[in-house]
N, C-alpha and C. Protein backbone atom coordinates (compact mmCIF):
# COMPACT_ATOMS: atom_id res chain seq x y z
N MET A 1 -2.22 -0.09 14.72
CA MET A 1 -1.99 -0.92 13.88
C MET A 1 -1.55 -0.23 12.57
N ARG A 2 -0.60 -0.71 12.01
CA ARG A 2 -0.11 -0.33 10.56
C ARG A 2 -0.18 -1.33 9.54
N SER A 3 -0.61 -1.08 8.32
CA SER A 3 -0.68 -2.10 7.46
C SER A 3 0.22 -1.67 6.15
N TYR A 4 1.16 -2.30 5.81
CA TYR A 4 1.91 -2.02 4.64
C TYR A 4 1.46 -2.55 3.30
N ARG A 5 1.49 -1.66 2.19
CA ARG A 5 0.87 -2.01 0.92
C ARG A 5 2.29 -1.99 -0.02
N ASP A 6 2.33 -2.73 -0.94
CA ASP A 6 3.37 -2.66 -1.88
C ASP A 6 3.34 -1.21 -2.35
N PRO A 7 4.35 -0.52 -2.56
CA PRO A 7 4.31 0.95 -2.91
C PRO A 7 4.10 1.08 -4.40
N LYS A 8 4.24 -0.14 -5.34
CA LYS A 8 4.00 -0.08 -6.71
C LYS A 8 2.30 -0.01 -6.62
N ASP A 9 1.56 -0.59 -5.78
CA ASP A 9 0.14 -0.67 -5.82
C ASP A 9 -0.38 0.83 -5.14
N VAL A 10 0.41 1.19 -4.18
CA VAL A 10 -0.12 2.78 -3.75
C VAL A 10 0.22 3.61 -4.74
N PHE A 11 1.27 3.64 -5.57
CA PHE A 11 1.40 4.46 -6.70
C PHE A 11 0.18 4.21 -7.68
N VAL A 12 -0.20 3.06 -7.96
CA VAL A 12 -1.12 3.01 -9.03
C VAL A 12 -2.51 3.22 -8.45
N SER A 13 -2.88 3.24 -7.34
CA SER A 13 -4.01 3.61 -6.69
C SER A 13 -4.12 5.14 -6.83
N GLY A 14 -2.70 5.71 -6.37
CA GLY A 14 -2.91 7.34 -6.34
C GLY A 14 -2.99 7.83 -7.62
N TYR A 15 -2.26 7.17 -8.72
CA TYR A 15 -2.29 7.79 -9.93
C TYR A 15 -3.79 7.79 -10.44
N HIS A 16 -4.53 6.65 -10.21
CA HIS A 16 -5.99 6.63 -10.75
C HIS A 16 -6.88 7.74 -10.00
N PHE A 17 -6.45 7.78 -8.70
CA PHE A 17 -7.40 8.71 -7.85
C PHE A 17 -7.16 10.15 -8.29
N PHE A 18 -5.77 10.61 -8.73
CA PHE A 18 -5.37 11.86 -8.81
C PHE A 18 -5.30 12.31 -10.20
N LYS A 19 -5.21 11.47 -11.03
CA LYS A 19 -4.91 11.78 -12.38
C LYS A 19 -6.09 12.85 -13.24
N GLU A 20 -7.36 12.75 -12.79
CA GLU A 20 -8.33 13.55 -13.16
C GLU A 20 -8.85 14.34 -12.24
N SER A 21 -8.35 14.56 -11.17
CA SER A 21 -8.86 15.37 -10.04
C SER A 21 -7.95 16.43 -9.92
N LEU A 22 -7.50 16.31 -8.63
CA LEU A 22 -6.44 17.19 -8.10
C LEU A 22 -5.42 17.73 -8.78
N MET A 23 -4.78 17.13 -9.68
CA MET A 23 -3.61 17.26 -10.52
C MET A 23 -3.84 17.60 -11.90
N GLY A 24 -4.95 17.49 -12.32
CA GLY A 24 -5.72 17.55 -13.43
C GLY A 24 -5.30 16.48 -14.21
N ARG A 25 -5.89 16.60 -15.74
CA ARG A 25 -5.70 15.57 -16.42
C ARG A 25 -4.66 15.38 -17.30
N GLY A 26 -3.83 16.04 -17.32
CA GLY A 26 -2.37 16.00 -17.80
C GLY A 26 -1.22 15.14 -16.89
N LEU A 27 -1.78 14.32 -15.91
CA LEU A 27 -0.53 13.83 -15.10
C LEU A 27 -0.13 12.49 -15.80
N SER A 28 1.07 12.87 -16.08
CA SER A 28 1.86 11.70 -16.96
C SER A 28 2.30 10.80 -15.97
N THR A 29 2.47 9.53 -16.37
CA THR A 29 3.22 8.42 -15.42
C THR A 29 4.45 8.81 -15.03
N GLU A 30 5.26 9.31 -15.84
CA GLU A 30 6.54 9.65 -15.47
C GLU A 30 6.67 11.09 -14.37
N THR A 31 5.72 11.86 -14.60
CA THR A 31 5.45 12.76 -13.51
C THR A 31 5.04 12.22 -12.23
N TRP A 32 4.25 11.54 -12.19
CA TRP A 32 3.63 10.94 -11.19
C TRP A 32 4.88 10.07 -10.24
N ILE A 33 5.79 9.30 -11.00
CA ILE A 33 6.85 8.65 -10.61
C ILE A 33 7.51 9.44 -9.84
N LYS A 34 7.94 10.71 -10.50
CA LYS A 34 8.90 11.71 -9.92
C LYS A 34 8.43 12.18 -8.50
N LEU A 35 7.35 12.43 -8.63
CA LEU A 35 6.50 12.97 -7.27
C LEU A 35 6.46 11.99 -6.26
N PHE A 36 5.91 10.75 -6.66
CA PHE A 36 5.71 9.60 -5.72
C PHE A 36 7.17 9.30 -5.04
N GLN A 37 8.27 9.16 -5.92
CA GLN A 37 9.75 8.88 -5.37
C GLN A 37 10.38 9.93 -4.77
N SER A 38 9.76 11.16 -4.46
CA SER A 38 10.42 12.42 -4.12
C SER A 38 10.53 11.93 -2.60
N LYS A 39 11.59 12.54 -2.03
CA LYS A 39 11.68 12.36 -0.51
C LYS A 39 10.60 13.30 0.22
N HIS A 40 9.98 14.09 -0.18
CA HIS A 40 8.98 14.86 0.22
C HIS A 40 7.70 14.75 -0.63
N PHE A 41 7.15 13.74 -0.93
CA PHE A 41 6.07 13.36 -1.55
C PHE A 41 4.96 14.43 -1.16
N PRO A 42 4.09 15.15 -1.86
CA PRO A 42 3.21 16.09 -1.13
C PRO A 42 1.98 15.30 -0.46
N ILE A 43 1.82 14.08 -0.95
CA ILE A 43 0.43 13.50 -0.55
C ILE A 43 0.96 12.42 0.58
N GLY A 44 1.04 12.80 1.96
CA GLY A 44 1.51 11.88 2.76
C GLY A 44 2.76 11.33 3.07
N GLY A 45 3.65 12.13 2.31
CA GLY A 45 4.78 11.91 2.58
C GLY A 45 5.72 10.69 1.99
N SER A 46 7.00 10.52 1.99
CA SER A 46 7.85 9.35 1.30
C SER A 46 7.20 8.02 2.11
N TRP A 47 6.89 7.10 0.92
CA TRP A 47 6.54 5.80 1.35
C TRP A 47 7.68 5.13 2.36
N ALA A 48 8.92 5.24 1.76
CA ALA A 48 9.84 4.65 2.57
C ALA A 48 10.17 5.14 4.05
N VAL A 49 10.08 6.66 4.05
CA VAL A 49 10.08 7.17 5.55
C VAL A 49 9.08 6.56 6.34
N ASN A 50 7.86 6.70 5.78
CA ASN A 50 6.80 6.09 6.59
C ASN A 50 6.80 4.65 6.88
N ALA A 51 7.27 3.80 6.13
CA ALA A 51 7.26 2.45 6.39
C ALA A 51 8.36 2.31 7.23
N ALA A 52 9.50 2.98 7.12
CA ALA A 52 10.71 2.77 8.09
C ALA A 52 10.40 3.27 9.36
N GLY A 53 9.69 4.48 9.52
CA GLY A 53 9.24 4.99 10.84
C GLY A 53 8.31 3.85 11.68
N TYR A 54 7.31 3.33 10.87
CA TYR A 54 6.47 2.38 11.60
C TYR A 54 7.09 1.19 11.84
N TRP A 55 7.81 0.76 10.99
CA TRP A 55 8.49 -0.54 11.20
C TRP A 55 9.67 -0.38 12.46
N ALA A 56 10.03 0.64 12.82
CA ALA A 56 11.07 0.79 13.83
C ALA A 56 10.21 0.81 15.25
N GLN A 57 8.82 0.84 15.17
CA GLN A 57 8.22 0.96 16.31
C GLN A 57 7.30 -0.67 16.59
N ARG A 58 7.81 -1.41 15.62
CA ARG A 58 6.83 -2.77 15.61
C ARG A 58 7.09 -3.68 16.98
N HIS A 59 8.23 -3.28 17.76
CA HIS A 59 8.24 -4.21 18.90
C HIS A 59 7.76 -3.47 20.14
N ARG A 60 7.16 -2.46 19.96
CA ARG A 60 6.10 -1.68 21.06
C ARG A 60 4.86 -2.52 21.33
N PRO A 61 4.63 -2.57 22.43
CA PRO A 61 3.44 -3.69 22.69
C PRO A 61 1.90 -2.88 22.30
N ASN A 62 2.00 -1.78 21.97
CA ASN A 62 0.48 -1.08 21.36
C ASN A 62 0.76 -0.87 19.75
N VAL A 63 1.72 -1.57 19.21
CA VAL A 63 1.82 -1.73 17.82
C VAL A 63 1.79 -3.02 17.11
N LEU A 64 0.87 -3.02 16.07
CA LEU A 64 0.78 -4.35 15.21
C LEU A 64 1.05 -3.90 13.88
N VAL A 65 1.99 -4.63 13.13
CA VAL A 65 2.37 -4.32 11.68
C VAL A 65 1.65 -5.54 10.98
N LEU A 66 0.91 -4.89 9.90
CA LEU A 66 0.25 -6.03 9.01
C LEU A 66 0.77 -5.82 7.50
N SER A 67 0.59 -6.70 6.89
CA SER A 67 0.83 -6.81 5.29
C SER A 67 -0.47 -6.75 4.61
N PHE A 68 -0.68 -5.74 3.61
CA PHE A 68 -1.91 -5.86 2.75
C PHE A 68 -1.74 -7.09 1.92
N LYS A 69 -0.77 -7.71 1.56
CA LYS A 69 -0.60 -8.81 0.75
C LYS A 69 -0.94 -9.97 1.53
N THR A 70 -0.78 -10.22 2.76
CA THR A 70 -1.09 -11.21 3.66
C THR A 70 -2.71 -10.94 3.82
N MET A 71 -3.02 -9.79 4.17
CA MET A 71 -4.65 -9.84 4.30
C MET A 71 -5.29 -10.16 3.07
N LYS A 72 -4.84 -9.86 1.90
CA LYS A 72 -5.48 -10.41 0.68
C LYS A 72 -5.53 -11.88 0.71
N ARG A 73 -4.44 -12.52 0.96
CA ARG A 73 -4.27 -14.04 0.99
C ARG A 73 -5.04 -14.69 1.98
N ASP A 74 -5.04 -14.00 3.30
CA ASP A 74 -5.77 -14.75 4.29
C ASP A 74 -6.47 -13.65 5.26
N LEU A 75 -7.54 -13.29 4.97
CA LEU A 75 -8.27 -12.34 5.71
C LEU A 75 -8.69 -12.72 7.10
N GLU A 76 -9.21 -14.20 6.94
CA GLU A 76 -9.53 -14.47 8.47
C GLU A 76 -8.46 -14.87 9.30
N GLY A 77 -7.22 -15.24 8.76
CA GLY A 77 -6.22 -15.21 9.75
C GLY A 77 -5.66 -13.71 10.16
N THR A 78 -5.79 -12.70 9.27
CA THR A 78 -5.60 -11.43 9.72
C THR A 78 -6.55 -10.88 10.57
N VAL A 79 -7.86 -11.04 10.63
CA VAL A 79 -8.84 -10.84 11.53
C VAL A 79 -8.52 -11.35 12.97
N ARG A 80 -8.16 -12.79 12.93
CA ARG A 80 -7.88 -13.34 14.18
C ARG A 80 -6.56 -12.65 14.63
N LYS A 81 -5.78 -12.37 13.90
CA LYS A 81 -4.13 -11.65 14.59
C LYS A 81 -4.79 -10.36 15.07
N VAL A 82 -5.54 -9.61 14.44
CA VAL A 82 -6.15 -8.14 15.19
C VAL A 82 -7.09 -8.47 16.29
N ALA A 83 -7.59 -9.37 16.22
CA ALA A 83 -8.63 -9.70 17.52
C ALA A 83 -7.64 -9.94 18.69
N GLU A 84 -6.77 -10.79 18.19
CA GLU A 84 -5.73 -11.24 19.51
C GLU A 84 -5.22 -10.19 19.96
N PHE A 85 -4.59 -9.53 19.09
CA PHE A 85 -3.72 -8.02 19.42
C PHE A 85 -4.46 -7.21 20.30
N LEU A 86 -5.87 -7.14 19.96
CA LEU A 86 -6.78 -6.29 20.88
C LEU A 86 -7.21 -7.03 22.25
N ASP A 87 -6.84 -8.06 22.23
CA ASP A 87 -7.55 -9.11 23.24
C ASP A 87 -8.97 -8.98 23.36
N ILE A 88 -9.44 -9.54 21.92
CA ILE A 88 -10.91 -9.56 22.01
C ILE A 88 -11.16 -11.16 21.26
N HIS A 89 -11.98 -11.75 22.00
CA HIS A 89 -12.25 -13.09 21.88
C HIS A 89 -13.46 -13.19 21.00
N LEU A 90 -13.17 -13.45 19.80
CA LEU A 90 -14.57 -13.50 18.68
C LEU A 90 -14.96 -15.04 18.57
N THR A 91 -16.29 -15.16 18.41
CA THR A 91 -16.95 -16.57 17.98
C THR A 91 -16.39 -16.68 16.68
N GLU A 92 -16.66 -18.06 16.19
CA GLU A 92 -16.70 -18.29 14.73
C GLU A 92 -17.71 -17.30 14.05
N GLU A 93 -18.84 -17.11 14.44
CA GLU A 93 -19.68 -16.35 13.87
C GLU A 93 -19.27 -15.01 13.80
N GLU A 94 -18.80 -14.36 14.69
CA GLU A 94 -18.30 -12.99 14.86
C GLU A 94 -17.12 -12.75 13.66
N THR A 95 -16.25 -13.74 13.74
CA THR A 95 -15.11 -13.63 12.83
C THR A 95 -15.69 -13.73 11.30
N GLY A 96 -16.51 -14.46 11.02
CA GLY A 96 -17.24 -14.63 9.82
C GLY A 96 -17.67 -13.24 9.39
N GLU A 97 -18.29 -12.68 10.34
CA GLU A 97 -19.10 -11.29 9.98
C GLU A 97 -18.09 -10.37 9.78
N VAL A 98 -17.05 -10.24 10.68
CA VAL A 98 -15.97 -9.11 10.54
C VAL A 98 -15.31 -9.44 9.10
N CYS A 99 -15.19 -10.81 8.72
CA CYS A 99 -14.51 -11.23 7.38
C CYS A 99 -15.38 -10.54 6.14
N ALA A 100 -16.72 -10.71 6.52
CA ALA A 100 -17.68 -10.58 5.25
C ALA A 100 -17.81 -8.87 5.36
N LYS A 101 -17.66 -8.26 6.22
CA LYS A 101 -17.70 -6.74 6.16
C LYS A 101 -16.21 -6.09 6.04
N SER A 102 -15.42 -7.08 5.88
CA SER A 102 -14.17 -6.52 5.60
C SER A 102 -13.64 -6.79 4.11
N SER A 103 -14.63 -7.36 3.60
CA SER A 103 -14.31 -7.82 2.15
C SER A 103 -14.38 -6.58 1.03
N PHE A 104 -13.90 -6.71 0.03
CA PHE A 104 -14.03 -5.77 -1.00
C PHE A 104 -15.34 -5.69 -1.59
N ALA A 105 -15.96 -6.68 -1.85
CA ALA A 105 -17.32 -6.59 -2.18
C ALA A 105 -18.24 -5.96 -1.36
N TYR A 106 -18.28 -6.09 0.08
CA TYR A 106 -19.05 -5.43 0.98
C TYR A 106 -18.64 -3.86 0.81
N MET A 107 -17.44 -3.72 1.08
CA MET A 107 -17.07 -2.17 0.84
C MET A 107 -17.61 -1.47 -0.27
N LYS A 108 -17.50 -2.23 -1.32
CA LYS A 108 -17.68 -1.68 -2.71
C LYS A 108 -19.56 -1.11 -2.52
N ARG A 109 -20.15 -2.10 -1.98
CA ARG A 109 -21.48 -1.79 -1.78
C ARG A 109 -22.07 -0.69 -1.11
N PHE A 110 -21.06 -0.48 -0.28
CA PHE A 110 -21.29 0.89 0.72
C PHE A 110 -20.03 1.95 0.52
N GLU A 111 -19.69 1.98 -0.91
CA GLU A 111 -18.84 2.88 -1.22
C GLU A 111 -18.91 4.20 -0.75
N GLU A 112 -19.86 4.69 -0.54
CA GLU A 112 -20.19 6.36 -0.15
C GLU A 112 -19.51 6.44 1.02
N LYS A 113 -19.58 5.37 2.00
CA LYS A 113 -18.97 5.51 3.27
C LYS A 113 -17.44 5.69 3.16
N PHE A 114 -16.67 5.44 2.20
CA PHE A 114 -15.37 5.55 2.17
C PHE A 114 -15.06 6.77 1.09
N GLU A 115 -16.02 7.57 0.70
CA GLU A 115 -15.42 8.70 -0.07
C GLU A 115 -14.57 9.81 0.69
N MET A 116 -13.91 10.35 -0.19
CA MET A 116 -12.95 11.46 0.53
C MET A 116 -13.89 12.67 0.77
N TRP A 117 -13.59 13.35 1.85
CA TRP A 117 -14.11 14.60 2.17
C TRP A 117 -14.05 15.59 1.16
N ASP A 118 -14.44 16.71 1.29
CA ASP A 118 -14.44 17.74 -0.30
C ASP A 118 -13.01 18.21 -0.29
N LEU A 119 -11.92 17.38 -0.38
CA LEU A 119 -10.59 17.77 -0.87
C LEU A 119 -10.74 18.36 -2.17
N ILE A 120 -11.41 17.84 -3.02
CA ILE A 120 -11.52 17.79 -4.55
C ILE A 120 -12.77 18.63 -4.57
N PRO A 121 -13.03 20.05 -4.60
CA PRO A 121 -14.29 20.66 -4.59
C PRO A 121 -15.07 20.38 -5.94
N TRP A 122 -14.34 20.50 -7.16
CA TRP A 122 -14.89 20.27 -8.33
C TRP A 122 -15.25 18.81 -8.82
N ARG A 123 -15.11 17.90 -8.00
CA ARG A 123 -15.36 16.52 -8.37
C ARG A 123 -16.23 15.96 -7.14
N LYS A 124 -17.26 15.54 -7.81
CA LYS A 124 -18.53 15.07 -6.95
C LYS A 124 -18.29 13.69 -6.23
N HIS A 125 -17.47 12.76 -6.86
CA HIS A 125 -17.42 11.58 -6.47
C HIS A 125 -15.83 11.13 -6.26
N SER A 126 -15.45 10.96 -5.06
CA SER A 126 -14.19 10.92 -4.72
C SER A 126 -14.01 9.53 -3.90
N ALA A 127 -14.33 8.41 -4.69
CA ALA A 127 -14.24 7.12 -3.95
C ALA A 127 -12.86 6.63 -3.84
N MET A 128 -12.72 6.20 -2.78
CA MET A 128 -11.33 5.38 -2.51
C MET A 128 -11.32 3.91 -2.83
N ILE A 129 -12.51 3.38 -3.16
CA ILE A 129 -12.39 2.00 -3.49
C ILE A 129 -12.54 1.73 -5.08
N ARG A 130 -11.54 1.21 -5.55
CA ARG A 130 -11.50 0.98 -7.06
C ARG A 130 -11.48 -0.58 -7.34
N LYS A 131 -10.34 -1.20 -6.99
CA LYS A 131 -10.43 -2.80 -7.26
C LYS A 131 -10.09 -3.57 -6.15
N GLY A 132 -9.53 -3.14 -5.19
CA GLY A 132 -9.32 -3.92 -3.87
C GLY A 132 -8.57 -5.02 -4.05
N ALA A 133 -7.53 -4.84 -5.07
CA ALA A 133 -6.44 -5.86 -5.40
C ALA A 133 -5.11 -5.74 -5.02
N GLN A 134 -4.36 -6.74 -4.99
CA GLN A 134 -2.93 -6.53 -4.54
C GLN A 134 -2.23 -7.04 -5.97
N GLY A 135 -1.08 -6.57 -6.24
CA GLY A 135 -0.36 -6.64 -7.37
C GLY A 135 -0.88 -5.95 -8.74
N GLY A 136 -1.35 -4.92 -8.64
CA GLY A 136 -1.81 -4.29 -9.92
C GLY A 136 -1.02 -3.31 -10.56
N ALA A 137 0.34 -3.29 -10.23
CA ALA A 137 1.41 -2.36 -10.78
C ALA A 137 1.41 -2.39 -12.26
N SER A 138 1.20 -3.38 -13.00
CA SER A 138 1.21 -3.50 -14.46
C SER A 138 0.24 -2.86 -15.04
N GLU A 139 -0.93 -2.19 -14.45
CA GLU A 139 -2.15 -1.37 -15.05
C GLU A 139 -1.37 -0.13 -15.57
N VAL A 140 -0.22 0.40 -14.85
CA VAL A 140 0.29 1.80 -15.03
C VAL A 140 1.69 1.75 -15.65
N LEU A 141 2.64 0.85 -14.84
CA LEU A 141 4.17 0.89 -14.73
C LEU A 141 4.43 -0.38 -15.86
N SER A 142 5.29 -0.08 -16.56
CA SER A 142 6.13 -1.11 -17.15
C SER A 142 6.90 -1.93 -16.33
N ILE A 143 7.57 -2.95 -16.80
CA ILE A 143 8.45 -3.85 -16.14
C ILE A 143 9.88 -3.23 -15.64
N PRO A 144 10.24 -2.48 -16.46
CA PRO A 144 11.36 -1.63 -16.30
C PRO A 144 11.00 -0.60 -14.98
N GLN A 145 9.86 -0.13 -15.20
CA GLN A 145 9.55 1.04 -14.18
C GLN A 145 9.28 0.36 -12.85
N GLN A 146 8.65 -0.81 -12.96
CA GLN A 146 8.54 -1.53 -11.80
C GLN A 146 9.74 -1.81 -10.95
N ARG A 147 10.71 -2.57 -11.78
CA ARG A 147 12.00 -2.84 -11.39
C ARG A 147 12.46 -1.58 -10.74
N ASP A 148 12.60 -0.52 -11.36
CA ASP A 148 13.06 0.92 -10.97
C ASP A 148 12.47 1.14 -9.55
N MET A 149 11.34 0.92 -9.41
CA MET A 149 10.66 1.36 -8.14
C MET A 149 11.12 0.53 -7.28
N ASP A 150 10.85 -0.86 -7.37
CA ASP A 150 11.42 -1.68 -6.39
C ASP A 150 12.88 -1.29 -5.63
N ALA A 151 13.67 -1.05 -6.66
CA ALA A 151 15.04 -0.65 -6.50
C ALA A 151 15.23 0.58 -5.81
N TYR A 152 14.52 1.55 -6.06
CA TYR A 152 14.50 2.78 -5.46
C TYR A 152 14.06 2.69 -4.11
N PHE A 153 12.95 2.02 -3.76
CA PHE A 153 12.37 1.97 -2.38
C PHE A 153 13.34 0.95 -1.53
N MET A 154 13.85 -0.07 -2.06
CA MET A 154 14.78 -0.94 -1.25
C MET A 154 16.11 -0.08 -0.92
N ALA A 155 16.47 0.63 -1.91
CA ALA A 155 17.78 1.60 -1.67
C ALA A 155 17.21 2.52 -0.54
N GLU A 156 16.16 3.17 -0.62
CA GLU A 156 15.70 4.10 0.50
C GLU A 156 15.57 3.43 1.87
N LEU A 157 15.18 2.38 1.76
CA LEU A 157 15.05 1.64 3.18
C LEU A 157 16.42 1.50 3.59
N LYS A 158 17.24 1.04 2.89
CA LYS A 158 18.67 0.71 3.46
C LYS A 158 19.21 2.18 3.65
N ARG A 159 19.21 2.87 3.05
CA ARG A 159 19.83 4.46 3.26
C ARG A 159 19.24 4.98 4.49
N LEU A 160 17.89 4.72 4.72
CA LEU A 160 17.36 5.15 6.12
C LEU A 160 17.59 4.27 7.24
N GLY A 161 18.59 3.35 7.19
CA GLY A 161 18.99 2.38 8.02
C GLY A 161 17.79 1.21 8.41
N SER A 162 16.86 1.11 7.65
CA SER A 162 15.70 0.08 7.93
C SER A 162 15.91 -1.29 7.59
N ASP A 163 15.40 -2.27 8.42
CA ASP A 163 15.59 -3.40 8.19
C ASP A 163 14.28 -4.19 7.85
N LEU A 164 13.18 -3.07 7.50
CA LEU A 164 11.78 -3.77 6.79
C LEU A 164 12.03 -4.74 5.80
N PRO A 165 11.61 -6.06 5.91
CA PRO A 165 11.75 -7.19 4.94
C PRO A 165 10.70 -6.52 3.79
N TYR A 166 11.37 -5.91 2.80
CA TYR A 166 10.48 -5.24 1.71
C TYR A 166 9.88 -6.32 1.01
N GLU A 167 10.54 -7.64 0.85
CA GLU A 167 9.85 -8.72 0.00
C GLU A 167 8.60 -9.06 0.77
N GLU A 168 8.48 -9.14 1.99
CA GLU A 168 7.26 -9.69 2.62
C GLU A 168 6.03 -8.59 2.36
N PHE A 169 6.35 -7.51 2.26
CA PHE A 169 5.26 -6.61 1.87
C PHE A 169 4.95 -6.25 0.53
N ALA A 170 6.16 -6.31 -0.46
CA ALA A 170 5.83 -6.05 -1.75
C ALA A 170 6.29 -7.58 -2.70
N ASP A 171 5.69 -7.26 -3.81
CA ASP A 171 5.98 -8.38 -4.75
C ASP A 171 7.18 -7.59 -5.64
N VAL A 172 8.39 -8.18 -5.43
CA VAL A 172 9.53 -7.51 -6.10
C VAL A 172 9.47 -8.25 -7.58
N THR A 173 9.51 -7.17 -8.34
CA THR A 173 9.70 -7.52 -9.81
C THR A 173 11.08 -8.14 -10.16
N PRO A 174 10.90 -9.61 -10.76
CA PRO A 174 12.22 -10.24 -11.05
C PRO A 174 13.17 -9.22 -11.93
N GLY A 175 14.32 -9.16 -11.26
CA GLY A 175 15.42 -8.51 -11.91
C GLY A 175 15.50 -7.11 -11.37
N ALA A 176 14.99 -6.87 -10.39
CA ALA A 176 15.09 -5.43 -9.71
C ALA A 176 16.27 -5.49 -9.02
N GLU A 177 17.01 -4.31 -9.23
CA GLU A 177 18.26 -4.28 -8.67
C GLU A 177 18.61 -3.06 -7.67
N THR A 178 19.15 -3.42 -6.47
CA THR A 178 19.36 -2.25 -5.71
C THR A 178 20.36 -1.09 -6.09
N ARG A 179 20.35 -0.06 -5.73
CA ARG A 179 21.27 0.88 -6.11
C ARG A 179 22.73 0.47 -6.34
N GLU A 180 22.94 -0.64 -5.40
CA GLU A 180 24.42 -1.07 -5.32
C GLU A 180 24.60 -2.15 -6.45
N GLY A 181 23.70 -2.37 -7.30
CA GLY A 181 23.71 -3.32 -8.26
C GLY A 181 23.46 -4.66 -8.11
N ALA A 182 23.01 -5.24 -6.88
CA ALA A 182 23.00 -6.53 -6.75
C ALA A 182 21.60 -6.92 -6.93
N ALA A 183 21.41 -8.09 -7.80
CA ALA A 183 20.07 -8.41 -8.18
C ALA A 183 19.33 -8.89 -7.13
N VAL A 184 17.98 -8.44 -6.88
CA VAL A 184 16.96 -9.05 -6.07
C VAL A 184 15.92 -9.72 -6.70
N GLY A 185 15.27 -10.55 -6.16
CA GLY A 185 13.68 -10.93 -6.56
C GLY A 185 13.97 -11.86 -7.87
N ARG A 186 15.05 -12.41 -8.20
CA ARG A 186 15.08 -13.34 -9.08
C ARG A 186 14.98 -14.82 -8.45
N GLY A 187 14.10 -15.50 -9.11
CA GLY A 187 13.52 -16.84 -8.75
C GLY A 187 14.51 -18.00 -8.61
């Protein structure tokens, strides 16, 4: 299973996680953008390369592609889709329990189970759960930066020959333009 998350949200999450730990307190938004948009991003590789690679495998019988955006909007439907994919027949009660234990509130209560290993030895608490939200790019990125990031990743997917429907997985910032200059995401 592979779940896609809006790269702007991935950026914000990583920025908050690393700004005071691995990369030091001096991490600027601009520096993080340059790192995040590099073809060889040092923490997990390029979002576009990873996304395009998994998307290309979506027709395989053992691959299920999910959208974090859809999971946030319809957790129960997503749980049912995963269960069906795994050929697991859940009762209503079991579905409810899986949804409850998949909720942000539940995971936040057991945050220690989601802590990072000792990747950052000088940092005691390396929790991975911060907000559990979708669409929080404006916490760190200005509207022009969000547009540029959308344009960059749409262009990267195109350069890679991927037909991944970016808009299905990301909230395209109105006015974002691809590198060729065609406006996208306008209402």
